[in-house]
Amino acid sequence: MTYRGRERGLLTCYPNTSLAVAKELMEAKGIKQLPVVKRGGGRNRERKRRIVGLLHYDALWHCLRKEINHRKEVNRNRRENHMAVETANGH
């Protein structure tokens, strides 16, 4: 992953940045917290950003792990239901 931000300054992300991208960015830069900023309006968008949140690496990782486990459970249930239907139909 590459970051094309300013040479100096604070590394940030936006509210619409995916958690996976934020995690990769944090890992690439070796940081544990990433401010979430809202884009400002008008001509000086770079100067008028407002902080709306702060992502913590550990919380982000926990959230992604929870989602992965949920998807595994859903897929396992689908396979079990599919096998039960096949067995009931005599296949």
Protein backbone atom coordinates (compact mmCIF):
# COMPACT_ATOMS: atom_id res chain seq x y z
CA MET A 1 0.00 0.00 0.00
CA THR A 2 1.28 3.42 -0.82
CA TYR A 3 0.50 6.68 0.86
CA ARG A 4 0.64 9.86 -1.16
CA GLY A 5 0.15 12.29 1.71
CA ARG A 6 2.29 15.21 2.62
CA GLU A 7 5.90 14.65 3.56
CA ARG A 8 5.23 16.20 6.93
CA GLY A 9 2.02 16.42 8.82
CA LEU A 10 -0.56 14.24 10.44
CA LEU A 11 -1.66 11.03 8.77
CA THR A 12 -5.48 10.87 8.66
CA CYS A 13 -8.35 9.04 6.99
CA TYR A 14 -11.92 9.94 6.09
CA PRO A 15 -15.22 8.55 7.41
CA ASN A 16 -15.76 6.62 4.16
CA THR A 17 -12.37 4.89 4.36
CA SER A 18 -12.85 1.14 4.73
CA LEU A 19 -11.63 -0.51 7.93
CA ALA A 20 -9.40 -2.84 5.90
CA VAL A 21 -7.68 0.11 4.20
CA ALA A 22 -7.29 1.94 7.50
CA LYS A 23 -5.75 -1.19 9.05
CA GLU A 24 -3.30 -1.57 6.16
CA LEU A 25 -2.33 2.09 6.40
CA MET A 26 -1.74 1.83 10.15
CA GLU A 27 0.38 -1.30 9.68
CA ALA A 28 2.37 0.24 6.82
CA LYS A 29 3.16 3.32 8.87
CA GLY A 30 3.59 1.52 12.21
CA ILE A 31 0.97 3.56 14.04
CA LYS A 32 -1.68 2.49 16.55
CA GLN A 33 -4.13 5.40 16.18
CA LEU A 34 -5.49 7.13 13.10
CA PRO A 35 -7.56 10.32 13.27
CA VAL A 36 -10.73 10.35 11.17
CA VAL A 37 -11.38 13.76 9.63
CA LYS A 38 -14.28 15.28 7.77
CA ARG A 39 -13.45 17.14 4.57
CA GLY A 40 -14.07 20.86 4.77
CA GLY A 41 -16.02 22.84 2.26
CA GLY A 42 -14.93 25.75 0.15
CA ARG A 43 -11.65 26.51 -1.58
CA ASN A 44 -9.29 25.65 1.29
CA ARG A 45 -10.40 22.07 1.83
CA GLU A 46 -7.01 21.02 3.15
CA ARG A 47 -7.12 23.57 5.96
CA LYS A 48 -10.72 23.11 7.06
CA ARG A 49 -10.72 19.47 8.08
CA ARG A 50 -12.40 18.59 11.36
CA ILE A 51 -11.60 15.58 13.51
CA VAL A 52 -14.71 13.41 13.90
CA GLY A 53 -13.15 10.28 15.41
CA LEU A 54 -10.07 8.28 16.23
CA LEU A 55 -9.46 4.71 15.08
CA HIS A 56 -7.49 2.52 17.47
CA TYR A 57 -5.63 -0.40 15.90
CA ASP A 58 -6.65 -2.92 18.57
CA ALA A 59 -10.33 -1.98 18.36
CA LEU A 60 -10.21 -2.04 14.56
CA TRP A 61 -8.57 -5.49 14.55
CA HIS A 62 -11.19 -6.76 17.02
CA CYS A 63 -13.99 -5.44 14.79
CA LEU A 64 -12.53 -7.06 11.66
CA ARG A 65 -11.97 -10.36 13.50
CA LYS A 66 -15.58 -10.30 14.73
CA GLU A 67 -16.84 -9.76 11.16
CA ILE A 68 -14.68 -12.60 9.82
CA ASN A 69 -16.00 -14.97 12.50
CA HIS A 70 -19.59 -13.91 11.77
CA ARG A 71 -19.15 -14.61 8.05
CA LYS A 72 -17.60 -18.02 8.80
CA GLU A 73 -20.60 -18.87 10.98
CA VAL A 74 -23.08 -17.79 8.28
CA ASN A 75 -21.27 -19.87 5.65
CA ARG A 76 -21.13 -22.90 7.95
CA ASN A 77 -24.87 -22.62 8.64
CA ARG A 78 -25.60 -22.37 4.91
CA ARG A 79 -23.55 -25.49 4.18
CA GLU A 80 -25.27 -27.41 6.99
CA ASN A 81 -28.72 -26.33 5.75
CA HIS A 82 -27.80 -27.23 2.18
CA MET A 83 -26.64 -30.71 3.29
CA ALA A 84 -29.82 -31.21 5.31
CA VAL A 85 -31.97 -30.36 2.25
CA GLU A 86 -29.96 -32.74 0.05
CA THR A 87 -30.31 -35.51 2.61
CA ALA A 88 -34.05 -34.94 2.93
CA ASN A 89 -34.40 -35.03 -0.87
CA GLY A 90 -32.44 -38.27 -1.07
CA HIS A 91 -29.44 -36.89 -2.95
